[in-house]
C-alpha atoms as a PDB file:
ATOM      1  CA  MET A   1       0.006   0.016   0.032  1.00  0.00           C
ATOM      2  CA  ILE A   2       0.987   3.549  -0.527  1.00  0.00           C
ATOM      3  CA  TYR A   3       0.578   6.446   1.885  1.00  0.00           C
ATOM      4  CA  ASN A   4       1.772   9.995   1.961  1.00  0.00           C
ATOM      5  CA  ARG A   5       5.118  10.534   3.598  1.00  0.00           C
ATOM      6  CA  ARG A   6       3.758  13.569   5.392  1.00  0.00           C
ATOM      7  CA  ALA A   7       0.915  11.722   6.986  1.00  0.00           C
ATOM      8  CA  PRO A   8       1.161  11.311  10.791  1.00  0.00           C
ATOM      9  CA  ASN A   9       0.618   7.863  12.218  1.00  0.00           C
ATOM     10  CA  CYS A  10      -3.049   8.534  13.105  1.00  0.00           C
ATOM     11  CA  ASN A  11      -3.884   9.233   9.440  1.00  0.00           C
ATOM     12  CA  ARG A  12      -2.046   6.379   7.781  1.00  0.00           C
ATOM     13  CA  GLN A  13      -5.036   3.973   7.778  1.00  0.00           C
ATOM     14  CA  LEU A  14      -7.204   6.717   6.226  1.00  0.00           C
ATOM     15  CA  PHE A  15      -4.644   7.260   3.434  1.00  0.00           C
ATOM     16  CA  MET A  16      -4.301   3.550   2.739  1.00  0.00           C
ATOM     17  CA  GLN A  17      -8.009   3.123   2.401  1.00  0.00           C
ATOM     18  CA  ALA A  18      -8.409   6.190   0.245  1.00  0.00           C
ATOM     19  CA  SER A  19      -5.530   5.388  -2.058  1.00  0.00           C
ATOM     20  CA  GLY A  20      -6.110   1.690  -2.567  1.00  0.00           C
ATOM     21  CA  PRO A  21      -4.817  -0.298  -5.520  1.00  0.00           C
ATOM     22  CA  LYS A  22      -4.811   1.708  -8.695  1.00  0.00           C
ATOM     23  CA  PRO A  23      -6.519   0.321 -11.810  1.00  0.00           C
ATOM     24  CA  MET A  24      -3.781  -0.986 -14.202  1.00  0.00           C
ATOM     25  CA  SER A  25      -5.432   0.844 -17.161  1.00  0.00           C
ATOM     26  CA  SER A  26      -5.130   4.179 -15.324  1.00  0.00           C
ATOM     27  CA  ALA A  27      -1.546   3.453 -14.200  1.00  0.00           C
ATOM     28  CA  SER A  28      -0.461   2.200 -17.586  1.00  0.00           C
ATOM     29  CA  SER A  29      -1.925   5.272 -19.350  1.00  0.00           C
ATOM     30  CA  ALA A  30      -0.095   7.522 -16.921  1.00  0.00           C
ATOM     31  CA  LEU A  31       3.142   5.620 -17.498  1.00  0.00           C
ATOM     32  CA  PHE A  32       2.877   6.005 -21.272  1.00  0.00           C
ATOM     33  CA  LEU A  33       1.959   9.624 -21.015  1.00  0.00           C
ATOM     34  CA  LEU A  34       4.935  10.398 -18.717  1.00  0.00           C
ATOM     35  CA  LEU A  35       7.189   8.293 -20.963  1.00  0.00           C
ATOM     36  CA  ALA A  36       6.186  10.347 -23.962  1.00  0.00           C
ATOM     37  CA  ILE A  37       6.750  13.570 -22.069  1.00  0.00           C
ATOM     38  CA  ASN A  38      10.122  12.397 -20.882  1.00  0.00           C
ATOM     39  CA  LEU A  39      11.020  11.550 -24.446  1.00  0.00           C
ATOM     40  CA  PHE A  40      10.261  15.100 -25.585  1.00  0.00           C
ATOM     41  CA  ASN A  41      11.883  16.412 -22.509  1.00  0.00           C
ATOM     42  CA  TYR A  42      15.256  15.164 -23.709  1.00  0.00           C
ATOM     43  CA  ILE A  43      14.580  15.937 -27.323  1.00  0.00           C
ATOM     44  CA  ASP A  44      14.051  19.584 -26.410  1.00  0.00           C
ATOM     45  CA  ARG A  45      17.063  19.576 -24.164  1.00  0.00           C
ATOM     46  CA  GLN A  46      19.513  18.085 -26.669  1.00  0.00           C
ATOM     47  CA  ILE A  47      18.338  19.577 -29.928  1.00  0.00           C
ATOM     48  CA  LEU A  48      20.129  22.785 -29.159  1.00  0.00           C
ATOM     49  CA  ALA A  49      23.468  20.926 -29.031  1.00  0.00           C
ATOM     50  CA  ALA A  50      22.982  19.576 -32.588  1.00  0.00           C
ATOM     51  CA  LEU A  51      22.246  23.041 -33.838  1.00  0.00           C
ATOM     52  CA  GLU A  52      25.042  24.880 -31.977  1.00  0.00           C
ATOM     53  CA  PRO A  53      27.334  25.543 -35.057  1.00  0.00           C
ATOM     54  CA  ASP A  54      24.384  27.007 -37.056  1.00  0.00           C
ATOM     55  CA  ILE A  55      23.231  29.116 -34.175  1.00  0.00           C
ATOM     56  CA  ARG A  56      26.769  30.392 -33.684  1.00  0.00           C
ATOM     57  CA  ALA A  57      27.034  31.268 -37.380  1.00  0.00           C
ATOM     58  CA  THR A  58      23.731  33.119 -37.262  1.00  0.00           C
ATOM     59  CA  PHE A  59      24.450  35.414 -34.257  1.00  0.00           C
ATOM     60  CA  PHE A  60      28.217  35.828 -34.330  1.00  0.00           C
ATOM     61  CA  ALA A  61      30.794  36.854 -36.895  1.00  0.00           C
ATOM     62  CA  ALA A  62      33.173  34.227 -38.232  1.00  0.00           C
ATOM     63  CA  GLY A  63      36.145  35.971 -36.701  1.00  0.00           C
ATOM     64  CA  ASP A  64      34.671  36.299 -33.169  1.00  0.00           C
ATOM     65  CA  VAL A  65      37.117  34.469 -31.000  1.00  0.00           C
ATOM     66  CA  ASN A  66      34.574  34.258 -28.117  1.00  0.00           C
ATOM     67  CA  ALA A  67      31.739  32.930 -30.254  1.00  0.00           C
ATOM     68  CA  MET A  68      31.975  29.333 -28.828  1.00  0.00           C
ATOM     69  CA  TRP A  69      32.134  30.649 -25.313  1.00  0.00           C
ATOM     70  CA  LYS A  70      28.974  32.704 -25.924  1.00  0.00           C
ATOM     71  CA  THR A  71      26.985  29.839 -27.406  1.00  0.00           C
ATOM     72  CA  GLY A  72      28.130  27.756 -24.445  1.00  0.00           C
ATOM     73  CA  LEU A  73      26.299  30.166 -22.189  1.00  0.00           C
ATOM     74  CA  LEU A  74      23.064  28.762 -23.686  1.00  0.00           C
ATOM     75  CA  GLY A  75      23.837  25.423 -22.013  1.00  0.00           C
ATOM     76  CA  ASP A  76      24.706  27.276 -18.803  1.00  0.00           C
ATOM     77  CA  ALA A  77      21.441  29.127 -18.862  1.00  0.00           C
ATOM     78  CA  PHE A  78      19.518  25.946 -18.921  1.00  0.00           C
ATOM     79  CA  PHE A  79      21.503  24.005 -16.283  1.00  0.00           C
ATOM     80  CA  VAL A  80      21.882  26.845 -13.738  1.00  0.00           C
ATOM     81  CA  THR A  81      18.158  27.610 -14.011  1.00  0.00           C
ATOM     82  CA  TYR A  82      17.316  23.953 -13.621  1.00  0.00           C
ATOM     83  CA  MET A  83      19.560  23.606 -10.567  1.00  0.00           C
ATOM     84  CA  ILE A  84      18.031  26.669  -8.841  1.00  0.00           C
ATOM     85  CA  SER A  85      14.382  26.005  -9.726  1.00  0.00           C
ATOM     86  CA  ALA A  86      14.193  22.204  -9.110  1.00  0.00           C
ATOM     87  CA  PRO A  87      14.005  22.346  -5.231  1.00  0.00           C
ATOM     88  CA  ILE A  88      11.365  25.115  -5.422  1.00  0.00           C
ATOM     89  CA  LEU A  89       9.218  23.286  -7.881  1.00  0.00           C
ATOM     90  CA  GLY A  90       9.754  20.066  -6.026  1.00  0.00           C
ATOM     91  CA  LEU A  91       8.223  21.620  -2.897  1.00  0.00           C
ATOM     92  CA  LEU A  92       5.279  22.863  -4.944  1.00  0.00           C
ATOM     93  CA  ALA A  93       4.766  19.282  -6.270  1.00  0.00           C
ATOM     94  CA  ASP A  94       4.592  18.100  -2.637  1.00  0.00           C
ATOM     95  CA  ARG A  95       1.764  20.537  -1.885  1.00  0.00           C
ATOM     96  CA  PHE A  96      -0.337  20.823  -5.066  1.00  0.00           C
ATOM     97  CA  SER A  97      -1.560  18.610  -7.874  1.00  0.00           C
ATOM     98  CA  ARG A  98       1.456  17.064  -9.577  1.00  0.00           C
ATOM     99  CA  TRP A  99      -0.405  16.619 -12.818  1.00  0.00           C
ATOM    100  CA  ILE A 100      -1.174  20.318 -13.027  1.00  0.00           C
ATOM    101  CA  ILE A 101       2.450  21.148 -12.317  1.00  0.00           C
ATOM    102  CA  VAL A 102       3.686  18.687 -14.924  1.00  0.00           C
ATOM    103  CA  GLY A 103       1.201  19.868 -17.591  1.00  0.00           C
ATOM    104  CA  SER A 104       2.068  23.499 -16.983  1.00  0.00           C
ATOM    105  CA  ALA A 105       5.743  22.737 -17.120  1.00  0.00           C
ATOM    106  CA  VAL A 106       5.540  20.824 -20.403  1.00  0.00           C
ATOM    107  CA  ILE A 107       3.527  23.623 -22.022  1.00  0.00           C
ATOM    108  CA  LEU A 108       6.047  26.160 -20.769  1.00  0.00           C
ATOM    109  CA  TRP A 109       9.126  24.402 -22.159  1.00  0.00           C
ATOM    110  CA  SER A 110       7.360  23.626 -25.439  1.00  0.00           C
ATOM    111  CA  LEU A 111       6.379  27.242 -25.998  1.00  0.00           C
ATOM    112  CA  ALA A 112       9.979  28.260 -25.014  1.00  0.00           C
ATOM    113  CA  SER A 113      11.289  25.812 -27.646  1.00  0.00           C
ATOM    114  CA  GLY A 114       9.060  27.387 -30.336  1.00  0.00           C
ATOM    115  CA  TRP A 115      10.113  30.799 -29.166  1.00  0.00           C
ATOM    116  CA  SER A 116      13.798  29.673 -29.636  1.00  0.00           C
ATOM    117  CA  GLY A 117      13.124  29.308 -33.308  1.00  0.00           C
ATOM    118  CA  LEU A 118      11.664  32.885 -33.475  1.00  0.00           C
ATOM    119  CA  ALA A 119      14.593  34.409 -31.570  1.00  0.00           C
ATOM    120  CA  ALA A 120      15.798  37.475 -33.453  1.00  0.00           C
ATOM    121  CA  THR A 121      18.734  38.132 -31.082  1.00  0.00           C
ATOM    122  CA  PHE A 122      21.041  36.045 -29.004  1.00  0.00           C
ATOM    123  CA  ALA A 123      19.667  37.600 -25.806  1.00  0.00           C
ATOM    124  CA  ILE A 124      16.161  36.342 -26.686  1.00  0.00           C
ATOM    125  CA  LEU A 125      17.501  32.880 -27.356  1.00  0.00           C
ATOM    126  CA  PHE A 126      19.306  32.940 -24.005  1.00  0.00           C
ATOM    127  CA  ALA A 127      15.979  33.887 -22.343  1.00  0.00           C
ATOM    128  CA  THR A 128      14.204  30.972 -24.048  1.00  0.00           C
ATOM    129  CA  ARG A 129      16.761  28.500 -22.699  1.00  0.00           C
ATOM    130  CA  ILE A 130      16.113  29.824 -19.189  1.00  0.00           C
ATOM    131  CA  CYS A 131      12.390  29.174 -19.711  1.00  0.00           C
ATOM    132  CA  VAL A 132      13.117  25.639 -20.963  1.00  0.00           C
ATOM    133  CA  GLY A 133      15.096  25.008 -17.849  1.00  0.00           C
ATOM    134  CA  ILE A 134      12.268  26.149 -15.586  1.00  0.00           C
ATOM    135  CA  GLY A 135       9.720  24.026 -17.484  1.00  0.00           C
ATOM    136  CA  GLU A 136      11.848  20.874 -17.435  1.00  0.00           C
ATOM    137  CA  CYS A 137      12.653  21.151 -13.786  1.00  0.00           C
ATOM    138  CA  GLY A 138       8.949  21.415 -13.010  1.00  0.00           C
ATOM    139  CA  TYR A 139       8.485  18.021 -14.628  1.00  0.00           C
ATOM    140  CA  GLY A 140      11.575  16.302 -13.307  1.00  0.00           C
ATOM    141  CA  PRO A 141      10.856  16.013  -9.566  1.00  0.00           C
ATOM    142  CA  ALA A 142       7.070  15.299  -9.930  1.00  0.00           C
ATOM    143  CA  ALA A 143       6.903  12.611 -12.639  1.00  0.00           C
ATOM    144  CA  PRO A 144       8.767   9.786 -10.791  1.00  0.00           C
ATOM    145  CA  THR A 145       6.694  10.339  -7.631  1.00  0.00           C
ATOM    146  CA  ILE A 146       3.476   9.982  -9.657  1.00  0.00           C
ATOM    147  CA  LEU A 147       4.692   6.568 -10.921  1.00  0.00           C
ATOM    148  CA  ALA A 148       5.799   5.600  -7.367  1.00  0.00           C
ATOM    149  CA  ASP A 149       2.225   6.184  -6.134  1.00  0.00           C
ATOM    150  CA  LEU A 150       0.699   4.286  -8.994  1.00  0.00           C
ATOM    151  CA  PHE A 151       2.756   1.175  -9.049  1.00  0.00           C
ATOM    152  CA  PRO A 152       3.681  -1.231  -6.171  1.00  0.00           C
ATOM    153  CA  ILE A 153       7.315  -1.738  -5.292  1.00  0.00           C
ATOM    154  CA  GLU A 154       7.299  -5.211  -6.811  1.00  0.00           C
ATOM    155  CA  THR A 155       6.819  -3.778 -10.353  1.00  0.00           C
ATOM    156  CA  ARG A 156       8.545  -0.452  -9.845  1.00  0.00           C
ATOM    157  CA  GLY A 157      11.916  -1.609 -11.215  1.00  0.00           C
ATOM    158  CA  ARG A 158      10.367  -2.409 -14.592  1.00  0.00           C
ATOM    159  CA  VAL A 159       8.267   0.787 -14.571  1.00  0.00           C
ATOM    160  CA  MET A 160      11.267   3.022 -13.780  1.00  0.00           C
ATOM    161  CA  ALA A 161      13.363   1.207 -16.340  1.00  0.00           C
ATOM    162  CA  ILE A 162      10.759   1.993 -18.971  1.00  0.00           C
ATOM    163  CA  PHE A 163      10.327   5.570 -17.805  1.00  0.00           C
ATOM    164  CA  TYR A 164      14.104   6.381 -17.789  1.00  0.00           C
ATOM    165  CA  ALA A 165      14.703   4.635 -21.094  1.00  0.00           C
ATOM    166  CA  ALA A 166      13.370   7.829 -22.624  1.00  0.00           C
ATOM    167  CA  ILE A 167      16.477   9.575 -21.600  1.00  0.00           C
ATOM    168  CA  PRO A 168      18.922   8.011 -24.092  1.00  0.00           C
ATOM    169  CA  VAL A 169      16.236   7.661 -26.734  1.00  0.00           C
ATOM    170  CA  GLY A 170      15.069  11.274 -26.410  1.00  0.00           C
ATOM    171  CA  SER A 171      18.663  12.543 -26.319  1.00  0.00           C
ATOM    172  CA  ALA A 172      19.420  10.605 -29.445  1.00  0.00           C
ATOM    173  CA  LEU A 173      16.345  11.813 -31.259  1.00  0.00           C
ATOM    174  CA  GLY A 174      17.352  15.383 -30.249  1.00  0.00           C
ATOM    175  CA  TYR A 175      20.661  14.978 -31.930  1.00  0.00           C
ATOM    176  CA  VAL A 176      19.153  13.251 -35.001  1.00  0.00           C
ATOM    177  CA  ILE A 177      16.291  15.640 -35.425  1.00  0.00           C
ATOM    178  CA  GLY A 178      18.442  18.650 -34.945  1.00  0.00           C
ATOM    179  CA  GLY A 179      21.037  17.393 -37.456  1.00  0.00           C
ATOM    180  CA  LEU A 180      18.599  16.362 -40.136  1.00  0.00           C
ATOM    181  CA  VAL A 181      16.074  19.171 -39.884  1.00  0.00           C
ATOM    182  CA  GLY A 182      18.758  21.792 -39.363  1.00  0.00           C
ATOM    183  CA  ALA A 183      20.723  20.646 -42.445  1.00  0.00           C
ATOM    184  CA  ARG A 184      17.677  20.694 -44.725  1.00  0.00           C
ATOM    185  CA  PHE A 185      15.418  23.455 -43.497  1.00  0.00           C
ATOM    186  CA  GLY A 186      17.569  25.573 -41.133  1.00  0.00           C
ATOM    187  CA  TRP A 187      18.028  25.438 -37.404  1.00  0.00           C
ATOM    188  CA  ARG A 188      14.853  27.405 -36.542  1.00  0.00           C
ATOM    189  CA  TRP A 189      12.588  24.754 -38.031  1.00  0.00           C
ATOM    190  CA  ALA A 190      13.990  22.090 -35.647  1.00  0.00           C
ATOM    191  CA  PHE A 191      12.576  24.020 -32.751  1.00  0.00           C
ATOM    192  CA  TYR A 192       9.242  24.628 -34.501  1.00  0.00           C
ATOM    193  CA  LEU A 193       8.916  20.897 -35.137  1.00  0.00           C
ATOM    194  CA  VAL A 194       9.095  19.830 -31.464  1.00  0.00           C
ATOM    195  CA  THR A 195       6.590  22.477 -30.214  1.00  0.00           C
ATOM    196  CA  PRO A 196       3.211  21.025 -31.149  1.00  0.00           C
ATOM    197  CA  PRO A 197       3.676  17.560 -29.697  1.00  0.00           C
ATOM    198  CA  GLY A 198       4.825  19.028 -26.435  1.00  0.00           C
ATOM    199  CA  LEU A 199       1.717  21.288 -26.216  1.00  0.00           C
ATOM    200  CA  LEU A 200      -0.535  18.323 -26.882  1.00  0.00           C
ATOM    201  CA  LEU A 201       1.138  16.206 -24.226  1.00  0.00           C
ATOM    202  CA  GLY A 202       0.970  18.998 -21.715  1.00  0.00           C
ATOM    203  CA  LEU A 203      -2.795  19.483 -22.270  1.00  0.00           C
ATOM    204  CA  LEU A 204      -3.367  15.772 -21.719  1.00  0.00           C
ATOM    205  CA  CYS A 205      -1.956  16.107 -18.245  1.00  0.00           C
ATOM    206  CA  PHE A 206      -4.886  18.234 -17.101  1.00  0.00           C
ATOM    207  CA  TRP A 207      -7.281  15.274 -17.594  1.00  0.00           C
ATOM    208  CA  GLN A 208      -5.223  13.032 -15.298  1.00  0.00           C
ATOM    209  CA  ARG A 209      -6.071  12.464 -11.625  1.00  0.00           C
ATOM    210  CA  ASP A 210      -3.318  12.807  -9.031  1.00  0.00           C
ATOM    211  CA  PRO A 211      -3.206   9.394  -7.125  1.00  0.00           C
ATOM    212  CA  ARG A 212      -2.120  11.141  -3.993  1.00  0.00           C
ATOM    213  CA  VAL A 213      -4.772  11.842  -1.296  1.00  0.00           C
ATOM    214  CA  SER A 214      -5.854  15.416  -1.304  1.00  0.00           C
ATOM    215  CA  ALA A 215      -4.346  17.781   1.296  1.00  0.00           C
ATOM    216  CA  HIS A 216      -7.546  18.203   3.314  1.00  0.00           C
ATOM    217  CA  GLN A 217      -7.681  14.467   4.109  1.00  0.00           C
ATOM    218  CA  LEU A 218      -4.314  14.458   5.832  1.00  0.00           C
ATOM    219  CA  ALA A 219      -2.834  16.705   8.502  1.00  0.00           C
ATOM    220  CA  GLN A 220       0.489  18.287   7.569  1.00  0.00           C
ATOM    221  CA  GLU A 221       3.524  16.930   9.309  1.00  0.00           C
ATOM    222  CA  SER A 222       5.592  19.412  11.390  1.00  0.00           C
ATOM    223  CA  LEU A 223       8.606  21.165   9.905  1.00  0.00           C
ATOM    224  CA  ARG A 224      10.691  19.556  12.602  1.00  0.00           C
ATOM    225  CA  ARG A 225       9.980  16.196  11.169  1.00  0.00           C
ATOM    226  CA  GLU A 226      10.999  17.322   7.689  1.00  0.00           C
ATOM    227  CA  LEU A 227      14.225  18.715   8.985  1.00  0.00           C
ATOM    228  CA  ARG A 228      15.078  15.387  10.707  1.00  0.00           C
ATOM    229  CA  ASP A 229      14.531  13.580   7.421  1.00  0.00           C
ATOM    230  CA  TYR A 230      16.823  15.938   5.541  1.00  0.00           C
ATOM    231  CA  VAL A 231      19.489  15.670   8.210  1.00  0.00           C
ATOM    232  CA  ALA A 232      19.326  11.938   8.041  1.00  0.00           C
ATOM    233  CA  LEU A 233      19.530  12.023   4.298  1.00  0.00           C
ATOM    234  CA  PHE A 234      22.632  14.224   4.208  1.00  0.00           C
ATOM    235  CA  ARG A 235      24.242  12.058   6.821  1.00  0.00           C
ATOM    236  CA  THR A 236      23.864   9.058   4.513  1.00  0.00           C
ATOM    237  CA  ARG A 237      27.263   8.346   3.018  1.00  0.00           C
ATOM    238  CA  SER A 238      25.982   6.445   0.010  1.00  0.00           C
ATOM    239  CA  TYR A 239      23.598   9.261  -0.906  1.00  0.00           C
ATOM    240  CA  LEU A 240      26.384  11.855  -0.832  1.00  0.00           C
ATOM    241  CA  ILE A 241      28.655   9.703  -2.893  1.00  0.00           C
ATOM    242  CA  ASN A 242      25.975   9.146  -5.431  1.00  0.00           C
ATOM    243  CA  CYS A 243      25.296  12.951  -5.562  1.00  0.00           C
ATOM    244  CA  VAL A 244      28.969  13.592  -6.229  1.00  0.00           C
ATOM    245  CA  ALA A 245      29.124  10.862  -8.849  1.00  0.00           C
ATOM    246  CA  GLN A 246      25.984  12.127 -10.615  1.00  0.00           C
ATOM    247  CA  THR A 247      27.439  15.652 -10.663  1.00  0.00           C
ATOM    248  CA  LEU A 248      30.704  14.400 -12.226  1.00  0.00           C
ATOM    249  CA  MET A 249      28.871  12.289 -14.720  1.00  0.00           C
ATOM    250  CA  THR A 250      26.561  15.176 -15.807  1.00  0.00           C
ATOM    251  CA  PHE A 251      29.682  17.472 -16.090  1.00  0.00           C
ATOM    252  CA  VAL A 252      31.311  15.062 -18.521  1.00  0.00           C
ATOM    253  CA  THR A 253      28.294  13.864 -20.522  1.00  0.00           C
ATOM    254  CA  GLY A 254      26.873  17.411 -20.674  1.00  0.00           C
ATOM    255  CA  GLY A 255      30.034  18.831 -22.164  1.00  0.00           C
ATOM    256  CA  LEU A 256      30.411  15.920 -24.582  1.00  0.00           C
ATOM    257  CA  GLY A 257      26.749  16.167 -25.735  1.00  0.00           C
ATOM    258  CA  PHE A 258      26.840  19.923 -26.205  1.00  0.00           C
ATOM    259  CA  TRP A 259      30.042  20.158 -28.159  1.00  0.00           C
ATOM    260  CA  ALA A 260      29.821  16.900 -30.244  1.00  0.00           C
ATOM    261  CA  SER A 261      28.215  18.786 -33.138  1.00  0.00           C
ATOM    262  CA  ALA A 262      30.936  21.432 -33.258  1.00  0.00           C
ATOM    263  CA  TYR A 263      33.648  18.776 -33.095  1.00  0.00           C
ATOM    264  CA  LEU A 264      32.084  16.836 -35.931  1.00  0.00           C
ATOM    265  CA  ARG A 265      31.926  19.960 -38.019  1.00  0.00           C
ATOM    266  CA  TYR A 266      35.531  20.643 -37.188  1.00  0.00           C
ATOM    267  CA  ARG A 267      36.364  17.172 -38.458  1.00  0.00           C
ATOM    268  CA  ASN A 268      34.455  17.982 -41.724  1.00  0.00           C
ATOM    269  CA  GLN A 269      31.607  15.589 -40.974  1.00  0.00           C
ATOM    270  CA  SER A 270      28.190  16.568 -42.421  1.00  0.00           C
ATOM    271  CA  PRO A 271      25.785  17.554 -39.611  1.00  0.00           C
ATOM    272  CA  ASP A 272      23.018  15.158 -40.527  1.00  0.00           C
ATOM    273  CA  VAL A 273      25.248  12.120 -40.912  1.00  0.00           C
ATOM    274  CA  GLY A 274      27.480  12.965 -37.912  1.00  0.00           C
ATOM    275  CA  MET A 275      24.620  13.684 -35.462  1.00  0.00           C
ATOM    276  CA  THR A 276      22.781  10.520 -36.582  1.00  0.00           C
ATOM    277  CA  ILE A 277      25.847   8.415 -35.769  1.00  0.00           C
ATOM    278  CA  PHE A 278      26.303  10.191 -32.456  1.00  0.00           C
ATOM    279  CA  GLY A 279      22.550   9.641 -31.697  1.00  0.00           C
ATOM    280  CA  LEU A 280      22.803   5.962 -32.402  1.00  0.00           C
ATOM    281  CA  ILE A 281      25.821   5.635 -30.012  1.00  0.00           C
ATOM    282  CA  THR A 282      23.915   7.545 -27.355  1.00  0.00           C
ATOM    283  CA  VAL A 283      20.706   5.414 -27.628  1.00  0.00           C
ATOM    284  CA  VAL A 284      22.473   2.001 -27.610  1.00  0.00           C
ATOM    285  CA  ALA A 285      24.835   2.772 -24.747  1.00  0.00           C
ATOM    286  CA  GLY A 286      22.191   4.691 -22.803  1.00  0.00           C
ATOM    287  CA  LEU A 287      19.479   2.015 -23.133  1.00  0.00           C
ATOM    288  CA  VAL A 288      21.785  -0.725 -21.974  1.00  0.00           C
ATOM    289  CA  SER A 289      22.984   1.131 -18.923  1.00  0.00           C
ATOM    290  CA  THR A 290      19.624   2.610 -17.999  1.00  0.00           C
ATOM    291  CA  LEU A 291      17.653  -0.543 -18.242  1.00  0.00           C
ATOM    292  CA  GLN A 292      20.041  -2.744 -16.192  1.00  0.00           C
ATOM    293  CA  LYS A 293      20.634  -0.024 -13.592  1.00  0.00           C
ATOM    294  CA  GLU A 294      16.920   0.602 -12.867  1.00  0.00           C
ATOM    295  CA  TRP A 295      16.108  -3.074 -12.909  1.00  0.00           C
ATOM    296  CA  ARG A 296      18.833  -3.977 -10.426  1.00  0.00           C
ATOM    297  CA  THR A 297      18.155  -0.942  -8.188  1.00  0.00           C
ATOM    298  CA  TRP A 298      14.431  -1.860  -7.603  1.00  0.00           C
ATOM    299  CA  GLN A 299      14.629  -5.626  -7.333  1.00  0.00           C
ATOM    300  CA  PRO A 300      12.568  -6.790  -4.307  1.00  0.00           C
ATOM    301  CA  GLY A 301      14.608  -8.148  -1.449  1.00  0.00           C
ATOM    302  CA  ARG A 302      17.873  -6.395  -2.390  1.00  0.00           C
ATOM    303  CA  THR A 303      19.935  -5.451   0.706  1.00  0.00           C
ATOM    304  CA  SER A 304      19.822  -1.723   1.361  1.00  0.00           C
ATOM    305  CA  ARG A 305      22.336   0.349   3.276  1.00  0.00           C
ATOM    306  CA  TRP A 306      19.967   3.305   3.630  1.00  0.00           C
ATOM    307  CA  PRO A 307      19.112   4.460   7.188  1.00  0.00           C
ATOM    308  CA  ASP A 308      15.712   3.254   8.559  1.00  0.00           C
ATOM    309  CA  SER A 309      14.218   6.759   8.158  1.00  0.00           C
ATOM    310  CA  ILE A 310      15.038   6.694   4.457  1.00  0.00           C
ATOM    311  CA  LYS A 311      14.151   3.112   3.816  1.00  0.00           C
ATOM    312  CA  SER A 312      10.791   3.477   5.551  1.00  0.00           C
ATOM    313  CA  ARG A 313       9.875   6.249   3.060  1.00  0.00           C
ATOM    314  CA  GLN A 314      10.679   4.057   0.155  1.00  0.00           C
ATOM    315  CA  SER A 315       8.655   1.103   1.422  1.00  0.00           C
ATOM    316  CA  ARG A 316       5.668   3.321   2.031  1.00  0.00           C
ATOM    317  CA  ARG A 317       5.370   4.538  -1.530  1.00  0.00           C
END
């Protein structure tokens, strides 16, 4: 059974009765909707990297020695905004309907992607990437918790493996779409192309029902309890090591993904062929690592080294 992590002991039975087992049709439809959104999440995120040389040529002179540094700021605009906004939007997702937050976030980043294609100046393009970062970080913290509330822990490994498989596939499609469309129709049309599907997926979210019990049914837990949980979390050595490892991994893969297109152009590789090959490498390597990692992480009965306060939260979901 699933119950809210903020529910005090006296309200746990109420939550368990109210939540109950979710119909598989409803859970499956939510999974496929979130999977499609996650796919376009990474398409929108990586399509800029495939178009970087064309964008640089549009806004900066060929002799500008700082041109690559300036276009690199577009990636910084996204990641810094994402880093700052994610905790804020994560707190909102704890307190309001997650589907409304997800739908609004998807619509925001889709409109921002379309606006990227319309950008007449580099400053406007920079602003659109900030908006994409805000939109994507509104989706990131909420989506996995929806799935955790919809599926029991026995099947959660398979569900999360399917959900996170969209990361390498979406990233690869971003490279391929950006390379192919940019080479044939210009870089602006690549942004136009990904806008309508995102808007449609965002609108579909507003017809979904949040599986979490509404706030008026459960008393809010004290701030002191929340602080204890965070202290326990940051005292967990394995958690801190994983945070550092994820940071280092993102630093490497983010830099590689963003500058791959520029490097291939430097090596006289056509953008459509080069980014297609890079996309294939991304999807094959990413799928293998993502599927086996998620499957192994959520296998029932695996020994955990998390503290009891952290493990109990996982088992409740």
